[in-house]
Amino acid sequence: MWVAVGALAAWIGFAFLKLNAARGLAISVMIGVAGAVFGGYLIGPLLASTVHPGDFNPLSLFIAFASAAGCVIISNMVYRRFGV
């Protein structure tokens, strides 16, 4: 689920907001997936109370989407500032 959410967040950022346009869609999706996995597996269980950390939780899914979007936005800002 986290991979799909991260890819969706990155695609929305790339297609509609023109984030990471110079890098391409593939790099944008990789950054989004990494952010979603980070948010879903590490931050989600801390903020969303579940019995088992791997269980599906809508709040954890939202946290994964938000962290993926944040990573895509931050990577776009770094690229604009430093060209890396």
PDB file of N, CA and C in Angstrom:
ATOM      1  N   MET A   1       0.821  -1.196   0.000  1.00  0.00           N
ATOM      2  CA  MET A   1       0.000   0.000   0.000  1.00  0.00           C
ATOM      3  C   MET A   1       0.863   1.257   0.000  1.00  0.00           C
ATOM      4  N   TRP A   2       1.956   1.214   0.758  1.00  0.00           N
ATOM      5  CA  TRP A   2       2.770   2.433   0.855  1.00  0.00           C
ATOM      6  C   TRP A   2       3.404   2.784  -0.483  1.00  0.00           C
ATOM      7  N   VAL A   3       3.796   1.780  -1.229  1.00  0.00           N
ATOM      8  CA  VAL A   3       4.419   2.025  -2.532  1.00  0.00           C
ATOM      9  C   VAL A   3       3.417   2.688  -3.478  1.00  0.00           C
ATOM     10  N   ALA A   4       2.190   2.197  -3.492  1.00  0.00           N
ATOM     11  CA  ALA A   4       1.160   2.779  -4.358  1.00  0.00           C
ATOM     12  C   ALA A   4       0.830   4.204  -3.946  1.00  0.00           C
ATOM     13  N   VAL A   5       0.754   4.451  -2.656  1.00  0.00           N
ATOM     14  CA  VAL A   5       0.460   5.804  -2.163  1.00  0.00           C
ATOM     15  C   VAL A   5       1.600   6.756  -2.506  1.00  0.00           C
ATOM     16  N   GLY A   6       2.836   6.303  -2.339  1.00  0.00           N
ATOM     17  CA  GLY A   6       3.983   7.148  -2.676  1.00  0.00           C
ATOM     18  C   GLY A   6       4.059   7.451  -4.158  1.00  0.00           C
ATOM     19  N   ALA A   7       3.788   6.440  -4.981  1.00  0.00           N
ATOM     20  CA  ALA A   7       3.794   6.658  -6.429  1.00  0.00           C
ATOM     21  C   ALA A   7       2.683   7.619  -6.836  1.00  0.00           C
ATOM     22  N   LEU A   8       1.521   7.499  -6.219  1.00  0.00           N
ATOM     23  CA  LEU A   8       0.411   8.408  -6.517  1.00  0.00           C
ATOM     24  C   LEU A   8       0.737   9.839  -6.115  1.00  0.00           C
ATOM     25  N   ALA A   9       1.307  10.026  -4.946  1.00  0.00           N
ATOM     26  CA  ALA A   9       1.673  11.368  -4.496  1.00  0.00           C
ATOM     27  C   ALA A   9       2.716  11.987  -5.416  1.00  0.00           C
ATOM     28  N   ALA A  10       3.695  11.202  -5.832  1.00  0.00           N
ATOM     29  CA  ALA A  10       4.734  11.708  -6.724  1.00  0.00           C
ATOM     30  C   ALA A  10       4.170  12.026  -8.101  1.00  0.00           C
ATOM     31  N   TRP A  11       3.265  11.183  -8.586  1.00  0.00           N
ATOM     32  CA  TRP A  11       2.672  11.437  -9.902  1.00  0.00           C
ATOM     33  C   TRP A  11       1.829  12.705  -9.876  1.00  0.00           C
ATOM     34  N   ILE A  12       1.076  12.924  -8.819  1.00  0.00           N
ATOM     35  CA  ILE A  12       0.283  14.155  -8.696  1.00  0.00           C
ATOM     36  C   ILE A  12       1.205  15.368  -8.664  1.00  0.00           C
ATOM     37  N   GLY A  13       2.273  15.272  -7.900  1.00  0.00           N
ATOM     38  CA  GLY A  13       3.228  16.383  -7.847  1.00  0.00           C
ATOM     39  C   GLY A  13       3.898  16.644  -9.174  1.00  0.00           C
ATOM     40  N   PHE A  14       4.190  15.596  -9.917  1.00  0.00           N
ATOM     41  CA  PHE A  14       4.869  15.748 -11.205  1.00  0.00           C
ATOM     42  C   PHE A  14       3.900  16.245 -12.279  1.00  0.00           C
ATOM     43  N   ALA A  15       2.724  15.655 -12.363  1.00  0.00           N
ATOM     44  CA  ALA A  15       1.802  15.951 -13.456  1.00  0.00           C
ATOM     45  C   ALA A  15       1.086  17.283 -13.280  1.00  0.00           C
ATOM     46  N   PHE A  16       0.630  17.563 -12.090  1.00  0.00           N
ATOM     47  CA  PHE A  16      -0.195  18.754 -11.897  1.00  0.00           C
ATOM     48  C   PHE A  16       0.569  19.943 -11.344  1.00  0.00           C
ATOM     49  N   LEU A  17       1.521  19.700 -10.455  1.00  0.00           N
ATOM     50  CA  LEU A  17       2.245  20.792  -9.822  1.00  0.00           C
ATOM     51  C   LEU A  17       3.597  21.073 -10.461  1.00  0.00           C
ATOM     52  N   LYS A  18       3.999  20.232 -11.412  1.00  0.00           N
ATOM     53  CA  LYS A  18       5.273  20.362 -12.129  1.00  0.00           C
ATOM     54  C   LYS A  18       6.471  20.321 -11.185  1.00  0.00           C
ATOM     55  N   LEU A  19       6.388  19.492 -10.139  1.00  0.00           N
ATOM     56  CA  LEU A  19       7.515  19.310  -9.231  1.00  0.00           C
ATOM     57  C   LEU A  19       8.473  18.294  -9.831  1.00  0.00           C
ATOM     58  N   ASN A  20       9.748  18.525  -9.701  1.00  0.00           N
ATOM     59  CA  ASN A  20      10.808  17.652 -10.227  1.00  0.00           C
ATOM     60  C   ASN A  20      10.677  17.428 -11.730  1.00  0.00           C
ATOM     61  N   ALA A  21      10.215  18.415 -12.454  1.00  0.00           N
ATOM     62  CA  ALA A  21      10.028  18.279 -13.898  1.00  0.00           C
ATOM     63  C   ALA A  21      11.360  18.080 -14.621  1.00  0.00           C
ATOM     64  N   ALA A  22      12.421  18.690 -14.107  1.00  0.00           N
ATOM     65  CA  ALA A  22      13.723  18.556 -14.754  1.00  0.00           C
ATOM     66  C   ALA A  22      14.322  17.161 -14.544  1.00  0.00           C
ATOM     67  N   ARG A  23      13.965  16.504 -13.482  1.00  0.00           N
ATOM     68  CA  ARG A  23      14.503  15.179 -13.187  1.00  0.00           C
ATOM     69  C   ARG A  23      13.753  14.069 -13.897  1.00  0.00           C
ATOM     70  N   GLY A  24      12.479  14.226 -14.083  1.00  0.00           N
ATOM     71  CA  GLY A  24      11.683  13.201 -14.747  1.00  0.00           C
ATOM     72  C   GLY A  24      10.746  12.478 -13.797  1.00  0.00           C
ATOM     73  N   LEU A  25       9.814  11.763 -14.378  1.00  0.00           N
ATOM     74  CA  LEU A  25       8.786  11.081 -13.602  1.00  0.00           C
ATOM     75  C   LEU A  25       9.359   9.932 -12.786  1.00  0.00           C
ATOM     76  N   ALA A  26      10.303   9.192 -13.330  1.00  0.00           N
ATOM     77  CA  ALA A  26      10.840   8.021 -12.626  1.00  0.00           C
ATOM     78  C   ALA A  26      11.523   8.422 -11.315  1.00  0.00           C
ATOM     79  N   ILE A  27      12.327   9.452 -11.346  1.00  0.00           N
ATOM     80  CA  ILE A  27      13.005   9.907 -10.127  1.00  0.00           C
ATOM     81  C   ILE A  27      11.996  10.450  -9.136  1.00  0.00           C
ATOM     82  N   SER A  28      11.002  11.163  -9.623  1.00  0.00           N
ATOM     83  CA  SER A  28       9.963  11.697  -8.749  1.00  0.00           C
ATOM     84  C   SER A  28       9.206  10.571  -8.051  1.00  0.00           C
ATOM     85  N   VAL A  29       8.894   9.508  -8.777  1.00  0.00           N
ATOM     86  CA  VAL A  29       8.182   8.371  -8.188  1.00  0.00           C
ATOM     87  C   VAL A  29       9.060   7.661  -7.163  1.00  0.00           C
ATOM     88  N   MET A  30      10.344   7.514  -7.444  1.00  0.00           N
ATOM     89  CA  MET A  30      11.242   6.876  -6.482  1.00  0.00           C
ATOM     90  C   MET A  30      11.329   7.674  -5.187  1.00  0.00           C
ATOM     91  N   ILE A  31      11.392   8.986  -5.292  1.00  0.00           N
ATOM     92  CA  ILE A  31      11.435   9.831  -4.101  1.00  0.00           C
ATOM     93  C   ILE A  31      10.124   9.720  -3.329  1.00  0.00           C
ATOM     94  N   GLY A  32       9.002   9.702  -4.040  1.00  0.00           N
ATOM     95  CA  GLY A  32       7.705   9.565  -3.385  1.00  0.00           C
ATOM     96  C   GLY A  32       7.532   8.228  -2.688  1.00  0.00           C
ATOM     97  N   VAL A  33       7.982   7.159  -3.312  1.00  0.00           N
ATOM     98  CA  VAL A  33       7.883   5.831  -2.702  1.00  0.00           C
ATOM     99  C   VAL A  33       8.752   5.759  -1.452  1.00  0.00           C
ATOM    100  N   ALA A  34       9.950   6.306  -1.514  1.00  0.00           N
ATOM    101  CA  ALA A  34      10.825   6.303  -0.338  1.00  0.00           C
ATOM    102  C   ALA A  34      10.190   7.099   0.806  1.00  0.00           C
ATOM    103  N   GLY A  35       9.585   8.221   0.493  1.00  0.00           N
ATOM    104  CA  GLY A  35       8.914   9.014   1.523  1.00  0.00           C
ATOM    105  C   GLY A  35       7.718   8.309   2.112  1.00  0.00           C
ATOM    106  N   ALA A  36       6.952   7.611   1.289  1.00  0.00           N
ATOM    107  CA  ALA A  36       5.775   6.890   1.784  1.00  0.00           C
ATOM    108  C   ALA A  36       6.162   5.707   2.657  1.00  0.00           C
ATOM    109  N   VAL A  37       7.202   4.994   2.267  1.00  0.00           N
ATOM    110  CA  VAL A  37       7.664   3.870   3.085  1.00  0.00           C
ATOM    111  C   VAL A  37       8.176   4.382   4.423  1.00  0.00           C
ATOM    112  N   PHE A  38       8.920   5.459   4.398  1.00  0.00           N
ATOM    113  CA  PHE A  38       9.406   6.066   5.637  1.00  0.00           C
ATOM    114  C   PHE A  38       8.234   6.489   6.518  1.00  0.00           C
ATOM    115  N   GLY A  39       7.262   7.170   5.948  1.00  0.00           N
ATOM    116  CA  GLY A  39       6.118   7.632   6.728  1.00  0.00           C
ATOM    117  C   GLY A  39       5.215   6.510   7.182  1.00  0.00           C
ATOM    118  N   GLY A  40       4.987   5.530   6.319  1.00  0.00           N
ATOM    119  CA  GLY A  40       4.079   4.448   6.659  1.00  0.00           C
ATOM    120  C   GLY A  40       4.626   3.481   7.683  1.00  0.00           C
ATOM    121  N   TYR A  41       5.896   3.154   7.578  1.00  0.00           N
ATOM    122  CA  TYR A  41       6.471   2.164   8.482  1.00  0.00           C
ATOM    123  C   TYR A  41       7.072   2.757   9.748  1.00  0.00           C
ATOM    124  N   LEU A  42       7.604   3.962   9.677  1.00  0.00           N
ATOM    125  CA  LEU A  42       8.275   4.517  10.846  1.00  0.00           C
ATOM    126  C   LEU A  42       7.442   5.557  11.590  1.00  0.00           C
ATOM    127  N   ILE A  43       6.845   6.482  10.871  1.00  0.00           N
ATOM    128  CA  ILE A  43       6.096   7.553  11.529  1.00  0.00           C
ATOM    129  C   ILE A  43       4.654   7.140  11.807  1.00  0.00           C
ATOM    130  N   GLY A  44       4.050   6.374  10.909  1.00  0.00           N
ATOM    131  CA  GLY A  44       2.657   5.958  11.064  1.00  0.00           C
ATOM    132  C   GLY A  44       2.358   5.233  12.358  1.00  0.00           C
ATOM    133  N   PRO A  45       3.127   4.199  12.721  1.00  0.00           N
ATOM    134  CA  PRO A  45       2.841   3.507  13.989  1.00  0.00           C
ATOM    135  C   PRO A  45       3.036   4.379  15.229  1.00  0.00           C
ATOM    136  N   LEU A  46       3.852   5.409  15.121  1.00  0.00           N
ATOM    137  CA  LEU A  46       4.035   6.300  16.271  1.00  0.00           C
ATOM    138  C   LEU A  46       2.811   7.186  16.498  1.00  0.00           C
ATOM    139  N   LEU A  47       2.156   7.584  15.420  1.00  0.00           N
ATOM    140  CA  LEU A  47       1.030   8.513  15.533  1.00  0.00           C
ATOM    141  C   LEU A  47      -0.327   7.829  15.500  1.00  0.00           C
ATOM    142  N   ALA A  48      -0.427   6.694  14.838  1.00  0.00           N
ATOM    143  CA  ALA A  48      -1.699   5.974  14.732  1.00  0.00           C
ATOM    144  C   ALA A  48      -1.650   4.756  15.647  1.00  0.00           C
ATOM    145  N   SER A  49      -2.558   4.693  16.588  1.00  0.00           N
ATOM    146  CA  SER A  49      -2.537   3.581  17.540  1.00  0.00           C
ATOM    147  C   SER A  49      -3.172   2.340  16.911  1.00  0.00           C
ATOM    148  N   THR A  50      -2.365   1.329  16.687  1.00  0.00           N
ATOM    149  CA  THR A  50      -2.835   0.047  16.176  1.00  0.00           C
ATOM    150  C   THR A  50      -2.323  -1.056  17.084  1.00  0.00           C
ATOM    151  N   VAL A  51      -2.970  -2.193  17.019  1.00  0.00           N
ATOM    152  CA  VAL A  51      -2.523  -3.327  17.819  1.00  0.00           C
ATOM    153  C   VAL A  51      -1.210  -3.870  17.271  1.00  0.00           C
ATOM    154  N   HIS A  52      -1.141  -4.017  15.945  1.00  0.00           N
ATOM    155  CA  HIS A  52       0.064  -4.485  15.278  1.00  0.00           C
ATOM    156  C   HIS A  52       0.543  -3.391  14.334  1.00  0.00           C
ATOM    157  N   PRO A  53       1.824  -3.056  14.337  1.00  0.00           N
ATOM    158  CA  PRO A  53       2.321  -1.971  13.490  1.00  0.00           C
ATOM    159  C   PRO A  53       2.087  -2.172  12.002  1.00  0.00           C
ATOM    160  N   GLY A  54       1.973  -3.392  11.503  1.00  0.00           N
ATOM    161  CA  GLY A  54       1.786  -3.639  10.085  1.00  0.00           C
ATOM    162  C   GLY A  54       0.332  -3.617   9.629  1.00  0.00           C
ATOM    163  N   ASP A  55      -0.600  -3.468  10.549  1.00  0.00           N
ATOM    164  CA  ASP A  55      -2.023  -3.471  10.192  1.00  0.00           C
ATOM    165  C   ASP A  55      -2.385  -2.230   9.397  1.00  0.00           C
ATOM    166  N   PHE A  56      -3.439  -2.377   8.565  1.00  0.00           N
ATOM    167  CA  PHE A  56      -3.916  -1.249   7.766  1.00  0.00           C
ATOM    168  C   PHE A  56      -4.644  -0.269   8.663  1.00  0.00           C
ATOM    169  N   ASN A  57      -4.334   0.994   8.468  1.00  0.00           N
ATOM    170  CA  ASN A  57      -4.973   2.057   9.226  1.00  0.00           C
ATOM    171  C   ASN A  57      -5.083   3.270   8.310  1.00  0.00           C
ATOM    172  N   PRO A  58      -6.266   3.871   8.168  1.00  0.00           N
ATOM    173  CA  PRO A  58      -6.400   5.032   7.284  1.00  0.00           C
ATOM    174  C   PRO A  58      -5.527   6.213   7.702  1.00  0.00           C
ATOM    175  N   LEU A  59      -5.350   6.423   8.987  1.00  0.00           N
ATOM    176  CA  LEU A  59      -4.490   7.520   9.434  1.00  0.00           C
ATOM    177  C   LEU A  59      -3.040   7.274   9.038  1.00  0.00           C
ATOM    178  N   SER A  60      -2.595   6.045   9.156  1.00  0.00           N
ATOM    179  CA  SER A  60      -1.240   5.697   8.744  1.00  0.00           C
ATOM    180  C   SER A  60      -1.064   5.862   7.237  1.00  0.00           C
ATOM    181  N   LEU A  61      -2.107   5.550   6.482  1.00  0.00           N
ATOM    182  CA  LEU A  61      -2.068   5.744   5.034  1.00  0.00           C
ATOM    183  C   LEU A  61      -1.967   7.229   4.689  1.00  0.00           C
ATOM    184  N   PHE A  62      -2.699   8.067   5.403  1.00  0.00           N
ATOM    185  CA  PHE A  62      -2.621   9.515   5.198  1.00  0.00           C
ATOM    186  C   PHE A  62      -1.236  10.040   5.562  1.00  0.00           C
ATOM    187  N   ILE A  63      -0.661   9.525   6.629  1.00  0.00           N
ATOM    188  CA  ILE A  63       0.689   9.936   7.032  1.00  0.00           C
ATOM    189  C   ILE A  63       1.698   9.553   5.962  1.00  0.00           C
ATOM    190  N   ALA A  64       1.536   8.384   5.360  1.00  0.00           N
ATOM    191  CA  ALA A  64       2.427   7.958   4.282  1.00  0.00           C
ATOM    192  C   ALA A  64       2.288   8.878   3.079  1.00  0.00           C
ATOM    193  N   PHE A  65       1.059   9.260   2.732  1.00  0.00           N
ATOM    194  CA  PHE A  65       0.837  10.179   1.616  1.00  0.00           C
ATOM    195  C   PHE A  65       1.458  11.538   1.903  1.00  0.00           C
ATOM    196  N   ALA A  66       1.258  12.040   3.105  1.00  0.00           N
ATOM    197  CA  ALA A  66       1.805  13.347   3.459  1.00  0.00           C
ATOM    198  C   ALA A  66       3.329  13.343   3.466  1.00  0.00           C
ATOM    199  N   SER A  67       3.934  12.279   3.970  1.00  0.00           N
ATOM    200  CA  SER A  67       5.397  12.235   3.976  1.00  0.00           C
ATOM    201  C   SER A  67       5.957  12.075   2.566  1.00  0.00           C
ATOM    202  N   ALA A  68       5.255  11.358   1.697  1.00  0.00           N
ATOM    203  CA  ALA A  68       5.697  11.243   0.303  1.00  0.00           C
ATOM    204  C   ALA A  68       5.614  12.598  -0.387  1.00  0.00           C
ATOM    205  N   ALA A  69       4.511  13.307  -0.175  1.00  0.00           N
ATOM    206  CA  ALA A  69       4.368  14.644  -0.768  1.00  0.00           C
ATOM    207  C   ALA A  69       5.427  15.587  -0.218  1.00  0.00           C
ATOM    208  N   GLY A  70       5.702  15.479   1.060  1.00  0.00           N
ATOM    209  CA  GLY A  70       6.742  16.319   1.657  1.00  0.00           C
ATOM    210  C   GLY A  70       8.115  16.042   1.085  1.00  0.00           C
ATOM    211  N   CYS A  71       8.431  14.778   0.878  1.00  0.00           N
ATOM    212  CA  CYS A  71       9.726  14.431   0.292  1.00  0.00           C
ATOM    213  C   CYS A  71       9.850  14.934  -1.139  1.00  0.00           C
ATOM    214  N   VAL A  72       8.775  14.844  -1.910  1.00  0.00           N
ATOM    215  CA  VAL A  72       8.803  15.338  -3.287  1.00  0.00           C
ATOM    216  C   VAL A  72       8.983  16.857  -3.301  1.00  0.00           C
ATOM    217  N   ILE A  73       8.296  17.549  -2.424  1.00  0.00           N
ATOM    218  CA  ILE A  73       8.419  19.011  -2.359  1.00  0.00           C
ATOM    219  C   ILE A  73       9.815  19.423  -1.908  1.00  0.00           C
ATOM    220  N   ILE A  74      10.341  18.766  -0.893  1.00  0.00           N
ATOM    221  CA  ILE A  74      11.680  19.095  -0.398  1.00  0.00           C
ATOM    222  C   ILE A  74      12.742  18.795  -1.450  1.00  0.00           C
ATOM    223  N   SER A  75      12.606  17.672  -2.162  1.00  0.00           N
ATOM    224  CA  SER A  75      13.594  17.366  -3.198  1.00  0.00           C
ATOM    225  C   SER A  75      13.536  18.382  -4.336  1.00  0.00           C
ATOM    226  N   ASN A  76      12.344  18.885  -4.648  1.00  0.00           N
ATOM    227  CA  ASN A  76      12.226  19.925  -5.666  1.00  0.00           C
ATOM    228  C   ASN A  76      12.892  21.222  -5.198  1.00  0.00           C
ATOM    229  N   MET A  77      12.725  21.563  -3.926  1.00  0.00           N
ATOM    230  CA  MET A  77      13.355  22.767  -3.388  1.00  0.00           C
ATOM    231  C   MET A  77      14.880  22.641  -3.383  1.00  0.00           C
ATOM    232  N   VAL A  78      15.394  21.475  -3.031  1.00  0.00           N
ATOM    233  CA  VAL A  78      16.844  21.245  -3.033  1.00  0.00           C
ATOM    234  C   VAL A  78      17.393  21.330  -4.457  1.00  0.00           C
ATOM    235  N   TYR A  79      16.658  20.759  -5.413  1.00  0.00           N
ATOM    236  CA  TYR A  79      17.107  20.797  -6.809  1.00  0.00           C
ATOM    237  C   TYR A  79      17.145  22.229  -7.324  1.00  0.00           C
ATOM    238  N   ARG A  80      16.134  23.009  -7.009  1.00  0.00           N
ATOM    239  CA  ARG A  80      16.111  24.411  -7.458  1.00  0.00           C
ATOM    240  C   ARG A  80      17.236  25.224  -6.823  1.00  0.00           C
ATOM    241  N   ARG A  81      17.534  24.965  -5.557  1.00  0.00           N
ATOM    242  CA  ARG A  81      18.525  25.761  -4.855  1.00  0.00           C
ATOM    243  C   ARG A  81      19.951  25.352  -5.207  1.00  0.00           C
ATOM    244  N   PHE A  82      20.230  24.053  -5.204  1.00  0.00           N
ATOM    245  CA  PHE A  82      21.592  23.585  -5.362  1.00  0.00           C
ATOM    246  C   PHE A  82      21.866  22.904  -6.693  1.00  0.00           C
ATOM    247  N   GLY A  83      20.833  22.568  -7.450  1.00  0.00           N
ATOM    248  CA  GLY A  83      21.013  21.934  -8.732  1.00  0.00           C
ATOM    249  C   GLY A  83      21.449  20.487  -8.650  1.00  0.00           C
ATOM    250  N   VAL A  84      21.170  19.848  -7.540  1.00  0.00           N
ATOM    251  CA  VAL A  84      21.586  18.463  -7.348  1.00  0.00           C
ATOM    252  C   VAL A  84      20.400  17.546  -7.502  1.00  0.00           C
TER     253      VAL A  84
END
